[in-house]
Amino acid sequence: AIDFSLSPRQIALRDRARQFAEAKLSALSRSVRHLPTAQDRFLATRPVYEDMIAAGFLRELIPTALGGDGEGLLDAAILTEELYAGDASVTLTLLGSVLGFLPVVIAGSDEQRSRLLAPFLTATGAPLAAFCLTEPGGSANWSAPAPAEGVRTIARRTGDGWSITGAKMGIVRDRMGWRRR
């Protein structure tokens, strides 16, 4: 049998996230709709995002083995559902950062994890992370004006496997700005 009961810790996490969503996120969603640009709306969410970080919600999405408070995917699902009900945009900023540092969580060395996860474990500020891929020349830009090349990296089924032609490249941000790697 499958038990769908939440543990006392999960109930407390759910209740804490629900209270935060009702107190901070619901009002924010209504207050930024009128702003003229996506950038203006994003910047207006920063104080609430900082409150979300201070409340420890980002730490709840980092495994305890790496210094966070996360105990698994069910906890992440509970947190996501409650916060998303209050406001999708700020919640997606939080989840986007998790996606951004997830390669470090999964495959980073101990040194990389220690160094790169540190800003996300402090519960202060507004740390952001991103995970980006493109093709050399930027051809994978879906919104490029015609005559855009479209995606040049192609996967074709060949017998029992796949044949992949093309190339992908990661994008990182450092103190010098955006660059391709």
Protein backbone atom coordinates (compact mmCIF):
# COMPACT_ATOMS: atom_id res chain seq x y z
CA ALA A 1 0.00 0.00 0.00
CA ILE A 2 1.09 3.55 -0.66
CA ASP A 3 0.84 5.99 2.22
CA PHE A 4 0.03 9.54 1.12
CA SER A 5 0.20 10.95 4.63
CA LEU A 6 2.54 13.87 5.17
CA SER A 7 5.09 13.73 7.95
CA PRO A 8 4.88 16.37 10.70
CA ARG A 9 7.86 18.12 9.05
CA GLN A 10 6.09 18.15 5.68
CA ILE A 11 2.89 19.49 7.22
CA ALA A 12 4.89 22.30 8.87
CA LEU A 13 6.63 23.05 5.53
CA ARG A 14 3.28 23.11 3.73
CA ASP A 15 1.74 25.42 6.31
CA ARG A 16 4.75 27.76 6.36
CA ALA A 17 4.81 27.99 2.55
CA ARG A 18 1.04 28.51 2.40
CA GLN A 19 1.21 31.35 4.96
CA PHE A 20 4.07 32.99 3.04
CA ALA A 21 2.17 32.67 -0.24
CA GLU A 22 -0.96 34.21 1.22
CA ALA A 23 0.86 37.02 3.04
CA LYS A 24 3.49 37.99 0.47
CA LEU A 25 2.98 36.41 -2.93
CA SER A 26 -0.74 36.91 -3.56
CA ALA A 27 -0.55 40.66 -2.99
CA LEU A 28 2.60 40.94 -5.08
CA SER A 29 0.99 39.34 -8.09
CA ARG A 30 -1.72 42.00 -8.13
CA SER A 31 0.69 44.88 -7.52
CA VAL A 32 3.08 44.26 -10.42
CA ARG A 33 0.60 43.50 -13.23
CA HIS A 34 0.36 47.15 -14.24
CA LEU A 35 4.12 47.60 -14.76
CA PRO A 36 4.95 48.15 -18.45
CA THR A 37 7.76 45.67 -19.08
CA ALA A 38 8.76 42.19 -18.03
CA GLN A 39 12.00 43.62 -16.65
CA ASP A 40 10.09 46.16 -14.53
CA ARG A 41 7.84 43.39 -13.19
CA PHE A 42 10.86 41.16 -12.45
CA LEU A 43 12.73 43.93 -10.61
CA ALA A 44 9.63 44.74 -8.57
CA THR A 45 9.56 41.17 -7.27
CA ARG A 46 13.07 41.30 -5.81
CA PRO A 47 12.09 42.35 -2.25
CA VAL A 48 9.63 39.47 -2.00
CA TYR A 49 12.15 37.07 -3.53
CA GLU A 50 14.62 38.19 -0.85
CA ASP A 51 11.94 37.48 1.78
CA MET A 52 11.44 34.03 0.24
CA ILE A 53 15.18 33.36 0.51
CA ALA A 54 15.25 34.66 4.11
CA ALA A 55 12.34 32.35 4.94
CA GLY A 56 14.60 29.45 3.95
CA PHE A 57 12.60 28.20 0.98
CA LEU A 58 15.64 27.97 -1.31
CA ARG A 59 17.51 25.97 1.33
CA GLU A 60 14.54 23.56 1.36
CA LEU A 61 15.38 22.75 -2.26
CA ILE A 62 19.04 21.92 -1.58
CA PRO A 63 19.77 18.43 -0.18
CA THR A 64 20.78 18.22 3.47
CA ALA A 65 23.93 16.33 2.41
CA LEU A 66 25.07 19.55 0.68
CA GLY A 67 24.21 21.90 3.54
CA GLY A 68 20.60 22.64 2.65
CA ASP A 69 17.40 21.56 4.36
CA GLY A 70 15.83 19.54 1.52
CA GLU A 71 14.82 16.00 2.29
CA GLY A 72 13.49 14.92 -1.09
CA LEU A 73 11.26 15.53 -4.06
CA LEU A 74 8.02 15.30 -2.10
CA ASP A 75 9.16 18.25 0.03
CA ALA A 76 9.99 20.15 -3.17
CA ALA A 77 6.56 19.35 -4.63
CA ILE A 78 4.79 20.53 -1.46
CA LEU A 79 6.77 23.76 -1.42
CA THR A 80 6.25 24.38 -5.13
CA GLU A 81 2.51 23.83 -4.98
CA GLU A 82 1.97 26.16 -2.06
CA LEU A 83 4.19 28.98 -3.32
CA TYR A 84 2.96 28.74 -6.91
CA ALA A 85 -0.62 29.19 -5.69
CA GLY A 86 0.39 32.62 -4.41
CA ASP A 87 2.37 33.83 -7.43
CA ALA A 88 3.83 31.94 -10.34
CA SER A 89 6.55 34.40 -11.35
CA VAL A 90 8.47 34.62 -8.07
CA THR A 91 8.09 30.89 -7.52
CA LEU A 92 9.49 30.26 -11.00
CA THR A 93 12.43 32.53 -10.19
CA LEU A 94 13.15 30.29 -7.21
CA LEU A 95 12.72 27.07 -9.20
CA GLY A 96 14.73 28.47 -12.13
CA SER A 97 17.65 29.05 -9.80
CA VAL A 98 17.39 25.46 -8.60
CA LEU A 99 17.48 24.32 -12.23
CA GLY A 100 20.51 26.57 -12.74
CA PHE A 101 22.59 25.03 -9.98
CA LEU A 102 21.25 21.48 -10.35
CA PRO A 103 24.19 20.37 -12.55
CA VAL A 104 26.51 21.32 -9.68
CA VAL A 105 24.34 19.35 -7.22
CA ILE A 106 24.27 16.30 -9.48
CA ALA A 107 27.78 16.22 -10.92
CA GLY A 108 29.91 18.88 -9.28
CA SER A 109 33.05 18.06 -7.38
CA ASP A 110 33.08 18.66 -3.63
CA GLU A 111 35.10 21.84 -4.24
CA GLN A 112 32.62 23.09 -6.85
CA ARG A 113 29.64 22.34 -4.63
CA SER A 114 31.22 24.12 -1.68
CA ARG A 115 32.15 27.19 -3.72
CA LEU A 116 29.18 27.48 -6.08
CA LEU A 117 26.35 26.57 -3.71
CA ALA A 118 27.53 28.89 -0.92
CA PRO A 119 25.45 31.91 -2.03
CA PHE A 120 22.32 29.75 -2.11
CA LEU A 121 22.80 28.40 1.41
CA THR A 122 23.11 31.72 3.27
CA ALA A 123 19.39 32.58 3.30
CA THR A 124 20.22 36.22 2.50
CA GLY A 125 20.07 38.39 -0.58
CA ALA A 126 18.59 37.39 -3.92
CA PRO A 127 20.90 34.72 -5.36
CA LEU A 128 20.06 33.63 -8.90
CA ALA A 129 21.37 30.85 -11.10
CA ALA A 130 20.64 29.91 -14.70
CA PHE A 131 21.27 27.00 -17.01
CA CYS A 132 21.47 27.97 -20.65
CA LEU A 133 22.39 26.17 -23.85
CA THR A 134 22.56 27.36 -27.41
CA GLU A 135 24.16 26.37 -30.68
CA PRO A 136 27.28 27.99 -32.13
CA GLY A 137 26.03 31.07 -33.95
CA GLY A 138 22.88 31.23 -31.83
CA SER A 139 20.71 29.40 -34.35
CA ALA A 140 18.50 27.81 -31.70
CA ASN A 141 16.84 31.13 -30.95
CA TRP A 142 13.18 30.32 -31.58
CA SER A 143 12.23 33.99 -31.77
CA ALA A 144 14.84 34.99 -34.35
CA PRO A 145 13.31 36.89 -37.28
CA ALA A 146 13.02 35.16 -40.64
CA PRO A 147 14.95 33.75 -42.32
CA ALA A 148 16.11 32.13 -39.08
CA GLU A 149 18.01 28.88 -39.38
CA GLY A 150 16.18 27.18 -36.57
CA VAL A 151 17.71 24.35 -34.63
CA ARG A 152 20.73 22.81 -36.38
CA THR A 153 21.46 20.05 -33.88
CA ILE A 154 19.42 17.04 -34.92
CA ALA A 155 18.95 13.60 -33.33
CA ARG A 156 17.95 10.72 -35.62
CA ARG A 157 17.06 7.20 -34.57
CA THR A 158 19.49 4.72 -36.11
CA GLY A 159 18.70 1.10 -35.39
CA ASP A 160 19.03 0.56 -31.65
CA GLY A 161 20.61 3.96 -30.98
CA TRP A 162 20.70 7.60 -31.96
CA SER A 163 22.85 9.67 -34.29
CA ILE A 164 23.31 13.27 -33.18
CA THR A 165 24.72 15.90 -35.51
CA GLY A 166 25.44 19.47 -34.51
CA ALA A 167 26.81 21.14 -31.42
CA LYS A 168 25.59 22.77 -28.24
CA MET A 169 27.41 25.24 -26.05
CA GLY A 170 26.77 26.45 -22.54
CA ILE A 171 26.47 30.07 -21.49
CA VAL A 172 27.93 31.26 -18.22
CA ARG A 173 27.90 34.64 -16.50
CA ASP A 174 30.95 35.88 -14.73
CA ARG A 175 32.14 39.27 -13.51
CA MET A 176 32.91 40.23 -17.11
CA GLY A 177 29.34 39.59 -18.31
CA TRP A 178 27.78 36.91 -20.47
CA ARG A 179 30.03 34.73 -22.57
CA ARG A 180 29.69 31.45 -24.38
CA ARG A 181 31.63 28.41 -23.36
